Amino acid sequence: MSLQTLLEETRAGASKRIPEEALAVMRAADEELVAKGVGQNALKVGDTLPDATFTSATGDTVQMSNLLANGPLIINFYRGGWCPYCNFELKAYQDILGDITALGAQLVAVTPEKPDNSLSTTEKNALTFPVLTDNENAFAKALGIAFELPKPLQELYGKFGMDLPGLNAGSGWSLPIPATFVVDANGKIVLADVDVNYTRRLEPSDALTALKASVAA
């Protein structure tokens, strides 16, 4: 089963479980983000990745430039361990990790969540690649993929018990658009997938194809 098929089944199941009033708030929020053009100014293919500093799930400081010094990267942004779509995506990338490392590349996931929470996500999904905390959502902002949840959605998430300001490392209600970037060893973006619809994700196999083409070039 493809990742997107799995996500579509998840969305269909959620639509049956979630009350219609809540779904209406979520749909309105999605429409608001699209109307505002969220993500339209994101970095694209050919752009150079800015440097950034992260905190690993075990509390270590990680520099983007140091990661790139070891070769190409696949960078996957996810909203948090509370997001089922993100968890399925992370597991799908774990499944092709061997193919990525065989090409001399690395896979990293980036989240606004605090290290303790990203560690929980790592353990829950049995991830063996780095999960990095983007403090204050700074890297996502530099890439043009950060956005603030609309107020009605903040209130709804609060009712669901999802305290994002408490879960996140200084970013409050700011989240990254779920996005995937494939970057060569020089920091140039060779694939950029940015979709404000969080139920749609790039197939990991497509990221792998872009990586293979970049390595072979």
C-alpha atoms as a PDB file:
ATOM      1  CA  MET A   1       0.000   0.000   0.000  1.00  0.00           C
ATOM      2  CA  SER A   2       1.326   3.447  -0.916  1.00  0.00           C
ATOM      3  CA  LEU A   3       1.753   6.060   1.795  1.00  0.00           C
ATOM      4  CA  GLN A   4      -0.889   8.304   0.243  1.00  0.00           C
ATOM      5  CA  THR A   5      -3.433   5.467   0.107  1.00  0.00           C
ATOM      6  CA  LEU A   6      -2.805   4.828   3.796  1.00  0.00           C
ATOM      7  CA  LEU A   7      -3.240   8.525   4.586  1.00  0.00           C
ATOM      8  CA  GLU A   8      -6.483   8.689   2.604  1.00  0.00           C
ATOM      9  CA  GLU A   9      -7.846   5.748   4.588  1.00  0.00           C
ATOM     10  CA  THR A  10      -6.793   7.519   7.794  1.00  0.00           C
ATOM     11  CA  ARG A  11      -8.564  10.704   6.708  1.00  0.00           C
ATOM     12  CA  ALA A  12     -11.721   8.763   5.851  1.00  0.00           C
ATOM     13  CA  GLY A  13     -11.687   7.099   9.260  1.00  0.00           C
ATOM     14  CA  ALA A  14     -11.154  10.422  11.016  1.00  0.00           C
ATOM     15  CA  SER A  15     -14.087  11.957   9.140  1.00  0.00           C
ATOM     16  CA  LYS A  16     -16.353   9.287  10.629  1.00  0.00           C
ATOM     17  CA  ARG A  17     -15.059   9.743  14.193  1.00  0.00           C
ATOM     18  CA  ILE A  18     -14.776  13.519  14.460  1.00  0.00           C
ATOM     19  CA  PRO A  19     -18.000  15.505  15.103  1.00  0.00           C
ATOM     20  CA  GLU A  20     -19.274  17.504  12.137  1.00  0.00           C
ATOM     21  CA  GLU A  21     -18.894  20.820  13.992  1.00  0.00           C
ATOM     22  CA  ALA A  22     -15.199  20.114  14.531  1.00  0.00           C
ATOM     23  CA  LEU A  23     -14.743  19.043  10.917  1.00  0.00           C
ATOM     24  CA  ALA A  24     -16.296  22.332   9.808  1.00  0.00           C
ATOM     25  CA  VAL A  25     -13.745  24.276  11.871  1.00  0.00           C
ATOM     26  CA  MET A  26     -10.919  22.222  10.382  1.00  0.00           C
ATOM     27  CA  ARG A  27     -12.134  22.707   6.825  1.00  0.00           C
ATOM     28  CA  ALA A  28     -12.522  26.456   7.362  1.00  0.00           C
ATOM     29  CA  ALA A  29      -8.986  26.640   8.754  1.00  0.00           C
ATOM     30  CA  ASP A  30      -7.612  24.753   5.752  1.00  0.00           C
ATOM     31  CA  GLU A  31      -9.385  27.157   3.405  1.00  0.00           C
ATOM     32  CA  GLU A  32      -8.006  30.143   5.329  1.00  0.00           C
ATOM     33  CA  LEU A  33      -4.431  28.895   4.995  1.00  0.00           C
ATOM     34  CA  VAL A  34      -4.851  28.360   1.266  1.00  0.00           C
ATOM     35  CA  ALA A  35      -6.406  31.819   0.857  1.00  0.00           C
ATOM     36  CA  LYS A  36      -3.445  33.373   2.694  1.00  0.00           C
ATOM     37  CA  GLY A  37      -1.013  31.654   0.342  1.00  0.00           C
ATOM     38  CA  VAL A  38       0.751  29.794   3.120  1.00  0.00           C
ATOM     39  CA  GLY A  39       3.774  27.994   1.694  1.00  0.00           C
ATOM     40  CA  GLN A  40       3.754  29.754  -1.661  1.00  0.00           C
ATOM     41  CA  ASN A  41       7.037  31.511  -0.870  1.00  0.00           C
ATOM     42  CA  ALA A  42       8.799  28.359   0.282  1.00  0.00           C
ATOM     43  CA  LEU A  43      12.305  27.647  -0.954  1.00  0.00           C
ATOM     44  CA  LYS A  44      12.258  25.688  -4.192  1.00  0.00           C
ATOM     45  CA  VAL A  45      14.450  23.545  -6.416  1.00  0.00           C
ATOM     46  CA  GLY A  46      17.703  25.331  -7.140  1.00  0.00           C
ATOM     47  CA  ASP A  47      17.694  27.361  -3.925  1.00  0.00           C
ATOM     48  CA  THR A  48      20.430  26.894  -1.350  1.00  0.00           C
ATOM     49  CA  LEU A  49      19.531  25.633   2.078  1.00  0.00           C
ATOM     50  CA  PRO A  50      20.320  28.078   4.914  1.00  0.00           C
ATOM     51  CA  ASP A  51      22.342  26.879   7.863  1.00  0.00           C
ATOM     52  CA  ALA A  52      20.481  26.123  11.076  1.00  0.00           C
ATOM     53  CA  THR A  53      20.986  24.811  14.586  1.00  0.00           C
ATOM     54  CA  PHE A  54      18.849  22.045  16.069  1.00  0.00           C
ATOM     55  CA  THR A  55      18.576  20.015  19.248  1.00  0.00           C
ATOM     56  CA  SER A  56      18.588  16.243  18.910  1.00  0.00           C
ATOM     57  CA  ALA A  57      16.137  13.987  20.721  1.00  0.00           C
ATOM     58  CA  THR A  58      18.899  13.264  23.252  1.00  0.00           C
ATOM     59  CA  GLY A  59      19.677  16.949  23.822  1.00  0.00           C
ATOM     60  CA  ASP A  60      22.756  17.381  21.624  1.00  0.00           C
ATOM     61  CA  THR A  61      23.284  20.427  19.409  1.00  0.00           C
ATOM     62  CA  VAL A  62      23.250  19.617  15.690  1.00  0.00           C
ATOM     63  CA  GLN A  63      24.320  22.003  12.925  1.00  0.00           C
ATOM     64  CA  MET A  64      22.875  21.699   9.416  1.00  0.00           C
ATOM     65  CA  SER A  65      26.248  22.561   7.852  1.00  0.00           C
ATOM     66  CA  ASN A  66      27.829  19.637   9.719  1.00  0.00           C
ATOM     67  CA  LEU A  67      25.170  17.271   8.415  1.00  0.00           C
ATOM     68  CA  LEU A  68      25.779  18.436   4.845  1.00  0.00           C
ATOM     69  CA  ALA A  69      29.512  17.946   5.289  1.00  0.00           C
ATOM     70  CA  ASN A  70      28.752  14.217   5.381  1.00  0.00           C
ATOM     71  CA  GLY A  71      26.786  14.134   2.126  1.00  0.00           C
ATOM     72  CA  PRO A  72      23.299  14.687   0.654  1.00  0.00           C
ATOM     73  CA  LEU A  73      20.199  14.866   2.813  1.00  0.00           C
ATOM     74  CA  ILE A  74      16.529  14.034   2.776  1.00  0.00           C
ATOM     75  CA  ILE A  75      14.841  16.394   5.244  1.00  0.00           C
ATOM     76  CA  ASN A  76      11.328  15.594   6.369  1.00  0.00           C
ATOM     77  CA  PHE A  77       9.326  18.136   8.356  1.00  0.00           C
ATOM     78  CA  TYR A  78       6.560  16.800  10.574  1.00  0.00           C
ATOM     79  CA  ARG A  79       4.082  18.581  12.829  1.00  0.00           C
ATOM     80  CA  GLY A  80       4.414  16.412  15.918  1.00  0.00           C
ATOM     81  CA  GLY A  81       3.992  12.955  17.373  1.00  0.00           C
ATOM     82  CA  TRP A  82       0.311  13.771  17.966  1.00  0.00           C
ATOM     83  CA  CYS A  83      -0.289  13.775  14.185  1.00  0.00           C
ATOM     84  CA  PRO A  84      -1.184  10.301  12.849  1.00  0.00           C
ATOM     85  CA  TYR A  85      -0.384  11.322   9.265  1.00  0.00           C
ATOM     86  CA  CYS A  86       3.117  12.325  10.373  1.00  0.00           C
ATOM     87  CA  ASN A  87       3.676   9.043  12.188  1.00  0.00           C
ATOM     88  CA  PHE A  88       2.734   7.008   9.134  1.00  0.00           C
ATOM     89  CA  GLU A  89       5.071   9.119   7.026  1.00  0.00           C
ATOM     90  CA  LEU A  90       7.979   8.714   9.440  1.00  0.00           C
ATOM     91  CA  LYS A  91       7.508   4.930   9.430  1.00  0.00           C
ATOM     92  CA  ALA A  92       7.444   4.924   5.625  1.00  0.00           C
ATOM     93  CA  TYR A  93      10.785   6.755   5.547  1.00  0.00           C
ATOM     94  CA  GLN A  94      12.208   4.341   8.090  1.00  0.00           C
ATOM     95  CA  ASP A  95      11.358   1.556   5.645  1.00  0.00           C
ATOM     96  CA  ILE A  96      13.668   3.022   2.962  1.00  0.00           C
ATOM     97  CA  LEU A  97      16.436   4.204   5.292  1.00  0.00           C
ATOM     98  CA  GLY A  98      18.770   1.456   4.072  1.00  0.00           C
ATOM     99  CA  ASP A  99      18.334   2.611   0.472  1.00  0.00           C
ATOM    100  CA  ILE A 100      19.102   6.200   1.487  1.00  0.00           C
ATOM    101  CA  THR A 101      22.275   5.378   3.407  1.00  0.00           C
ATOM    102  CA  ALA A 102      23.447   3.070   0.597  1.00  0.00           C
ATOM    103  CA  LEU A 103      23.635   6.191  -1.581  1.00  0.00           C
ATOM    104  CA  GLY A 104      25.890   7.914   0.944  1.00  0.00           C
ATOM    105  CA  ALA A 105      23.064  10.174   2.089  1.00  0.00           C
ATOM    106  CA  GLN A 106      21.335  10.855   5.390  1.00  0.00           C
ATOM    107  CA  LEU A 107      17.716  11.138   6.441  1.00  0.00           C
ATOM    108  CA  VAL A 108      16.647  13.560   9.167  1.00  0.00           C
ATOM    109  CA  ALA A 109      13.237  14.536  10.487  1.00  0.00           C
ATOM    110  CA  VAL A 110      12.608  18.073  11.764  1.00  0.00           C
ATOM    111  CA  THR A 111       9.856  19.031  14.211  1.00  0.00           C
ATOM    112  CA  PRO A 112       8.949  21.977  16.436  1.00  0.00           C
ATOM    113  CA  GLU A 113       8.399  19.589  19.352  1.00  0.00           C
ATOM    114  CA  LYS A 114      10.611  19.650  22.418  1.00  0.00           C
ATOM    115  CA  PRO A 115      13.375  17.004  22.500  1.00  0.00           C
ATOM    116  CA  ASP A 116      11.551  14.910  25.127  1.00  0.00           C
ATOM    117  CA  ASN A 117       8.540  14.716  22.836  1.00  0.00           C
ATOM    118  CA  SER A 118      10.600  13.996  19.726  1.00  0.00           C
ATOM    119  CA  LEU A 119      12.317  11.214  21.674  1.00  0.00           C
ATOM    120  CA  SER A 120       8.890   9.727  22.410  1.00  0.00           C
ATOM    121  CA  THR A 121       8.067   9.892  18.696  1.00  0.00           C
ATOM    122  CA  THR A 122      11.386   8.221  17.868  1.00  0.00           C
ATOM    123  CA  GLU A 123      10.776   5.387  20.294  1.00  0.00           C
ATOM    124  CA  LYS A 124       7.107   4.937  19.392  1.00  0.00           C
ATOM    125  CA  ASN A 125       7.915   4.542  15.693  1.00  0.00           C
ATOM    126  CA  ALA A 126      11.225   2.676  16.195  1.00  0.00           C
ATOM    127  CA  LEU A 127      13.073   5.310  14.162  1.00  0.00           C
ATOM    128  CA  THR A 128      16.809   4.900  13.664  1.00  0.00           C
ATOM    129  CA  PHE A 129      17.440   8.231  11.920  1.00  0.00           C
ATOM    130  CA  PRO A 130      17.884  11.585  13.690  1.00  0.00           C
ATOM    131  CA  VAL A 131      14.790  13.484  14.809  1.00  0.00           C
ATOM    132  CA  LEU A 132      15.718  17.131  15.380  1.00  0.00           C
ATOM    133  CA  THR A 133      13.931  19.880  17.277  1.00  0.00           C
ATOM    134  CA  ASP A 134      13.603  23.124  15.323  1.00  0.00           C
ATOM    135  CA  ASN A 135      13.651  25.600  18.199  1.00  0.00           C
ATOM    136  CA  GLU A 136      11.053  28.372  17.744  1.00  0.00           C
ATOM    137  CA  ASN A 137      10.329  26.868  14.325  1.00  0.00           C
ATOM    138  CA  ALA A 138      13.271  28.978  13.098  1.00  0.00           C
ATOM    139  CA  PHE A 139      14.416  26.688  10.273  1.00  0.00           C
ATOM    140  CA  ALA A 140      10.865  26.235   9.002  1.00  0.00           C
ATOM    141  CA  LYS A 141      10.495  30.019   8.964  1.00  0.00           C
ATOM    142  CA  ALA A 142      13.760  30.408   7.019  1.00  0.00           C
ATOM    143  CA  LEU A 143      12.458  27.924   4.439  1.00  0.00           C
ATOM    144  CA  GLY A 144       9.095  29.686   4.169  1.00  0.00           C
ATOM    145  CA  ILE A 145       7.028  26.774   5.464  1.00  0.00           C
ATOM    146  CA  ALA A 146       6.059  27.989   8.953  1.00  0.00           C
ATOM    147  CA  PHE A 147       2.536  29.166   9.706  1.00  0.00           C
ATOM    148  CA  GLU A 148       0.360  30.066  12.660  1.00  0.00           C
ATOM    149  CA  LEU A 149      -2.693  27.906  13.309  1.00  0.00           C
ATOM    150  CA  PRO A 150      -5.880  29.960  12.863  1.00  0.00           C
ATOM    151  CA  LYS A 151      -7.480  30.908  16.192  1.00  0.00           C
ATOM    152  CA  PRO A 152     -10.564  28.671  15.809  1.00  0.00           C
ATOM    153  CA  LEU A 153      -8.282  25.711  15.176  1.00  0.00           C
ATOM    154  CA  GLN A 154      -6.167  26.592  18.215  1.00  0.00           C
ATOM    155  CA  GLU A 155      -9.315  26.515  20.335  1.00  0.00           C
ATOM    156  CA  LEU A 156     -10.406  23.211  18.807  1.00  0.00           C
ATOM    157  CA  TYR A 157      -7.010  21.605  19.367  1.00  0.00           C
ATOM    158  CA  GLY A 158      -7.158  22.836  22.960  1.00  0.00           C
ATOM    159  CA  LYS A 159     -10.487  21.060  23.398  1.00  0.00           C
ATOM    160  CA  PHE A 160      -8.879  17.913  21.992  1.00  0.00           C
ATOM    161  CA  GLY A 161      -6.202  18.209  24.685  1.00  0.00           C
ATOM    162  CA  MET A 162      -3.424  19.116  22.249  1.00  0.00           C
ATOM    163  CA  ASP A 163      -1.468  21.867  24.027  1.00  0.00           C
ATOM    164  CA  LEU A 164       0.940  22.754  21.222  1.00  0.00           C
ATOM    165  CA  PRO A 165       2.591  25.644  23.111  1.00  0.00           C
ATOM    166  CA  GLY A 166       3.367  23.122  25.842  1.00  0.00           C
ATOM    167  CA  LEU A 167       4.589  20.475  23.411  1.00  0.00           C
ATOM    168  CA  ASN A 168       6.663  22.749  21.186  1.00  0.00           C
ATOM    169  CA  ALA A 169      10.054  24.327  21.804  1.00  0.00           C
ATOM    170  CA  GLY A 170       9.166  28.002  21.899  1.00  0.00           C
ATOM    171  CA  SER A 171       7.045  28.094  18.765  1.00  0.00           C
ATOM    172  CA  GLY A 172       3.629  28.355  20.426  1.00  0.00           C
ATOM    173  CA  TRP A 173       0.927  27.630  17.862  1.00  0.00           C
ATOM    174  CA  SER A 174       3.351  27.873  14.946  1.00  0.00           C
ATOM    175  CA  LEU A 175       3.847  24.693  12.922  1.00  0.00           C
ATOM    176  CA  PRO A 176       5.742  23.695   9.786  1.00  0.00           C
ATOM    177  CA  ILE A 177       3.859  22.682   6.692  1.00  0.00           C
ATOM    178  CA  PRO A 178       4.594  18.952   6.364  1.00  0.00           C
ATOM    179  CA  ALA A 179       7.308  19.122   3.707  1.00  0.00           C
ATOM    180  CA  THR A 180      10.155  17.110   2.254  1.00  0.00           C
ATOM    181  CA  PHE A 181      13.370  18.500   0.789  1.00  0.00           C
ATOM    182  CA  VAL A 182      16.097  16.546  -0.979  1.00  0.00           C
ATOM    183  CA  VAL A 183      19.374  18.454  -0.818  1.00  0.00           C
ATOM    184  CA  ASP A 184      22.711  17.704  -2.475  1.00  0.00           C
ATOM    185  CA  ALA A 185      26.022  17.839  -0.604  1.00  0.00           C
ATOM    186  CA  ASN A 186      26.459  21.491  -1.616  1.00  0.00           C
ATOM    187  CA  GLY A 187      23.214  22.445   0.070  1.00  0.00           C
ATOM    188  CA  LYS A 188      21.283  22.923  -3.159  1.00  0.00           C
ATOM    189  CA  ILE A 189      17.665  21.797  -3.117  1.00  0.00           C
ATOM    190  CA  VAL A 190      16.979  19.200  -5.812  1.00  0.00           C
ATOM    191  CA  LEU A 191      13.425  18.358  -4.706  1.00  0.00           C
ATOM    192  CA  ALA A 192      10.981  20.428  -2.684  1.00  0.00           C
ATOM    193  CA  ASP A 193       7.568  19.062  -1.776  1.00  0.00           C
ATOM    194  CA  VAL A 194       5.452  21.569   0.163  1.00  0.00           C
ATOM    195  CA  ASP A 195       1.705  21.015   0.497  1.00  0.00           C
ATOM    196  CA  VAL A 196      -0.452  22.937   2.948  1.00  0.00           C
ATOM    197  CA  ASN A 197      -2.888  19.993   2.956  1.00  0.00           C
ATOM    198  CA  TYR A 198      -1.431  17.945   5.809  1.00  0.00           C
ATOM    199  CA  THR A 199      -3.217  14.767   4.662  1.00  0.00           C
ATOM    200  CA  ARG A 200      -1.158  14.690   1.453  1.00  0.00           C
ATOM    201  CA  ARG A 201       2.503  13.680   1.557  1.00  0.00           C
ATOM    202  CA  LEU A 202       5.216  12.910  -0.972  1.00  0.00           C
ATOM    203  CA  GLU A 203       5.798   9.217  -1.510  1.00  0.00           C
ATOM    204  CA  PRO A 204       9.178   8.343   0.043  1.00  0.00           C
ATOM    205  CA  SER A 205      10.026   6.445  -3.138  1.00  0.00           C
ATOM    206  CA  ASP A 206       9.803   9.745  -5.051  1.00  0.00           C
ATOM    207  CA  ALA A 207      12.254  11.369  -2.641  1.00  0.00           C
ATOM    208  CA  LEU A 208      14.557   8.389  -3.124  1.00  0.00           C
ATOM    209  CA  THR A 209      14.323   8.736  -6.911  1.00  0.00           C
ATOM    210  CA  ALA A 210      15.318  12.405  -6.688  1.00  0.00           C
ATOM    211  CA  LEU A 211      18.198  11.506  -4.397  1.00  0.00           C
ATOM    212  CA  LYS A 212      19.453   8.830  -6.813  1.00  0.00           C
ATOM    213  CA  ALA A 213      19.339  11.280  -9.725  1.00  0.00           C
ATOM    214  CA  SER A 214      21.238  13.885  -7.735  1.00  0.00           C
ATOM    215  CA  VAL A 215      23.950  11.439  -6.663  1.00  0.00           C
ATOM    216  CA  ALA A 216      24.343  10.171 -10.235  1.00  0.00           C
ATOM    217  CA  ALA A 217      24.604  13.679 -11.728  1.00  0.00           C
END
